[in-house]
Amino acid sequence: MEETMKPNYKELGHADILGPKLKELVEQQLLEDLKFYGINGEKFKFDRSESCIEGHDEEYLDGTVENFSGINLFNEQDEHQLEGWMEFIYEREHHFFIAYWEFLHDISATKRYLKDMPGIPDHVFSRIPEAVRSRYKRQRLNQ
């Protein structure tokens, strides 16, 4: 019998550096990003208890944001549905911040990778301010 992961909504893992405003913004943007993978994210809850720091960080709003791995999403019945890494782009001088998914894996009944390659997807790239878009061309996801 396969053991299912139980949610831990209280522990924040390494994501404890997110302030309340930053946490809310990141969650909102990650849930919005799910739509581009055909998933309605309105009913998901975040479990960051296994989050790990994977690279760059920036201070923004009321905390520090990192590109975290180990983010798990659970449905309303506390069933583990998705896991992934988050990535972000922050351009201070253009007042632009966006968080999006990397290595997104649907672990529900379908058990499939929704995004298994790193890179900036077209739907994110198109939102980067044109004045700085050229900085990110090499990081684009080849789709």
Protein backbone atom coordinates (compact mmCIF):
# COMPACT_ATOMS: atom_id res chain seq x y z
CA MET A 1 0.00 0.00 0.00
CA GLU A 2 1.37 3.39 -1.02
CA GLU A 3 1.79 5.83 1.85
CA THR A 4 0.33 9.25 1.17
CA MET A 5 1.96 12.48 2.27
CA LYS A 6 0.15 14.35 5.02
CA PRO A 7 0.10 18.15 4.85
CA ASN A 8 2.00 20.39 7.22
CA TYR A 9 0.64 23.90 6.85
CA LYS A 10 2.33 25.29 9.97
CA GLU A 11 6.02 24.67 9.32
CA LEU A 12 7.49 26.91 6.62
CA GLY A 13 10.80 25.16 6.09
CA HIS A 14 13.29 27.57 4.55
CA ALA A 15 10.39 29.70 3.30
CA ASP A 16 10.16 31.25 6.77
CA ILE A 17 11.98 34.27 5.29
CA LEU A 18 8.85 35.28 3.36
CA GLY A 19 6.92 38.02 5.11
CA PRO A 20 3.10 37.81 5.13
CA LYS A 21 2.64 40.21 2.18
CA LEU A 22 5.33 38.52 0.10
CA LYS A 23 3.98 35.05 0.94
CA GLU A 24 0.49 36.09 -0.15
CA LEU A 25 1.76 37.57 -3.43
CA VAL A 26 3.90 34.52 -4.25
CA GLU A 27 1.02 32.13 -3.51
CA GLN A 28 -1.38 34.17 -5.64
CA GLN A 29 1.05 34.22 -8.57
CA LEU A 30 1.88 30.51 -8.32
CA LEU A 31 -1.81 29.60 -8.23
CA GLU A 32 -2.41 31.87 -11.24
CA ASP A 33 0.50 30.19 -13.06
CA LEU A 34 -1.24 26.81 -12.71
CA LYS A 35 -3.85 27.96 -15.24
CA PHE A 36 -1.18 27.78 -17.96
CA TYR A 37 -0.86 24.06 -17.19
CA GLY A 38 -4.61 23.49 -17.35
CA ILE A 39 -5.18 23.48 -13.60
CA ASN A 40 -7.62 25.62 -11.64
CA GLY A 41 -5.63 26.53 -8.53
CA GLU A 42 -8.35 28.23 -6.52
CA LYS A 43 -8.78 25.42 -3.98
CA PHE A 44 -5.14 24.48 -3.27
CA LYS A 45 -3.32 24.95 0.02
CA PHE A 46 0.46 25.35 0.28
CA ASP A 47 2.75 23.12 2.33
CA ARG A 48 6.24 24.61 2.48
CA SER A 49 7.50 22.40 5.30
CA GLU A 50 10.00 20.67 2.97
CA SER A 51 11.08 23.81 1.11
CA CYS A 52 14.78 24.26 0.37
CA ILE A 53 16.79 27.19 -0.91
CA GLU A 54 18.02 26.55 -4.45
CA GLY A 55 19.88 29.66 -5.57
CA HIS A 56 19.31 33.38 -5.79
CA ASP A 57 17.42 35.60 -3.39
CA GLU A 58 16.03 39.13 -3.30
CA GLU A 59 14.49 41.33 -0.66
CA TYR A 60 11.00 42.37 -1.67
CA LEU A 61 7.99 43.78 0.16
CA ASP A 62 8.23 42.50 3.75
CA GLY A 63 10.64 39.59 3.35
CA THR A 64 13.15 37.72 1.24
CA VAL A 65 12.21 35.54 -1.70
CA GLU A 66 14.25 32.57 -2.94
CA ASN A 67 13.74 30.04 -5.67
CA PHE A 68 12.50 27.29 -3.39
CA SER A 69 12.18 23.61 -4.14
CA GLY A 70 9.94 21.28 -2.12
CA ILE A 71 6.66 23.17 -2.41
CA ASN A 72 3.65 20.89 -2.12
CA LEU A 73 0.03 21.67 -2.90
CA PHE A 74 -2.93 19.91 -1.33
CA ASN A 75 -6.61 20.04 -2.26
CA GLU A 76 -9.49 20.81 0.11
CA GLN A 77 -9.53 17.19 1.29
CA ASP A 78 -5.82 17.47 2.21
CA GLU A 79 -4.83 15.13 -0.62
CA HIS A 80 -1.37 15.73 -2.07
CA GLN A 81 -1.86 16.93 -5.67
CA LEU A 82 1.19 18.84 -6.93
CA GLU A 83 4.81 19.43 -6.07
CA GLY A 84 7.34 21.74 -7.59
CA TRP A 85 9.94 24.42 -7.39
CA MET A 86 9.22 28.10 -7.62
CA GLU A 87 11.30 30.56 -9.56
CA PHE A 88 10.97 34.32 -9.71
CA ILE A 89 12.09 37.40 -11.59
CA TYR A 90 12.47 40.71 -9.83
CA GLU A 91 13.40 43.89 -11.64
CA ARG A 92 13.54 46.54 -8.93
CA GLU A 93 13.96 49.54 -11.25
CA HIS A 94 10.90 48.49 -13.25
CA HIS A 95 8.79 47.58 -10.20
CA PHE A 96 8.30 44.12 -11.69
CA PHE A 97 8.02 40.89 -9.72
CA ILE A 98 6.70 37.53 -10.89
CA ALA A 99 6.83 34.07 -9.35
CA TYR A 100 6.27 30.98 -11.50
CA TRP A 101 6.69 27.21 -11.39
CA GLU A 102 9.74 25.13 -12.24
CA PHE A 103 9.75 21.31 -12.25
CA LEU A 104 6.01 21.11 -11.64
CA HIS A 105 4.80 17.55 -11.05
CA ASP A 106 1.19 16.40 -10.85
CA ILE A 107 1.28 13.56 -8.34
CA SER A 108 -2.48 12.97 -8.18
CA ALA A 109 -4.07 10.19 -10.21
CA THR A 110 -2.46 11.38 -13.46
CA LYS A 111 1.13 11.31 -12.12
CA ARG A 112 2.77 13.39 -14.83
CA TYR A 113 5.27 16.18 -15.16
CA LEU A 114 3.62 19.43 -16.16
CA LYS A 115 6.96 21.22 -16.45
CA ASP A 116 10.10 19.11 -16.27
CA MET A 117 12.62 21.52 -17.81
CA PRO A 118 13.93 24.72 -16.25
CA GLY A 119 13.37 27.98 -18.03
CA ILE A 120 11.06 30.91 -18.46
CA PRO A 121 7.85 29.85 -20.23
CA ASP A 122 6.38 32.08 -22.94
CA HIS A 123 3.48 33.20 -20.75
CA VAL A 124 5.97 34.57 -18.18
CA PHE A 125 8.50 35.92 -20.69
CA SER A 126 5.81 38.01 -22.38
CA ARG A 127 5.13 39.81 -19.08
CA ILE A 128 8.75 40.87 -18.49
CA PRO A 129 9.18 44.60 -19.20
CA GLU A 130 10.49 45.05 -22.74
CA ALA A 131 13.32 47.27 -21.50
CA VAL A 132 14.92 44.28 -19.68
CA ARG A 133 13.54 41.32 -21.63
CA SER A 134 16.83 40.81 -23.47
CA ARG A 135 18.50 39.89 -20.14
CA TYR A 136 16.30 36.81 -19.94
CA LYS A 137 16.37 35.51 -23.52
CA ARG A 138 18.89 32.76 -22.75
CA GLN A 139 16.79 31.55 -19.82
CA ARG A 140 13.69 30.98 -21.96
CA LEU A 141 12.16 27.56 -21.98
CA ASN A 142 12.53 25.89 -25.33
CA GLN A 143 9.04 24.64 -25.99
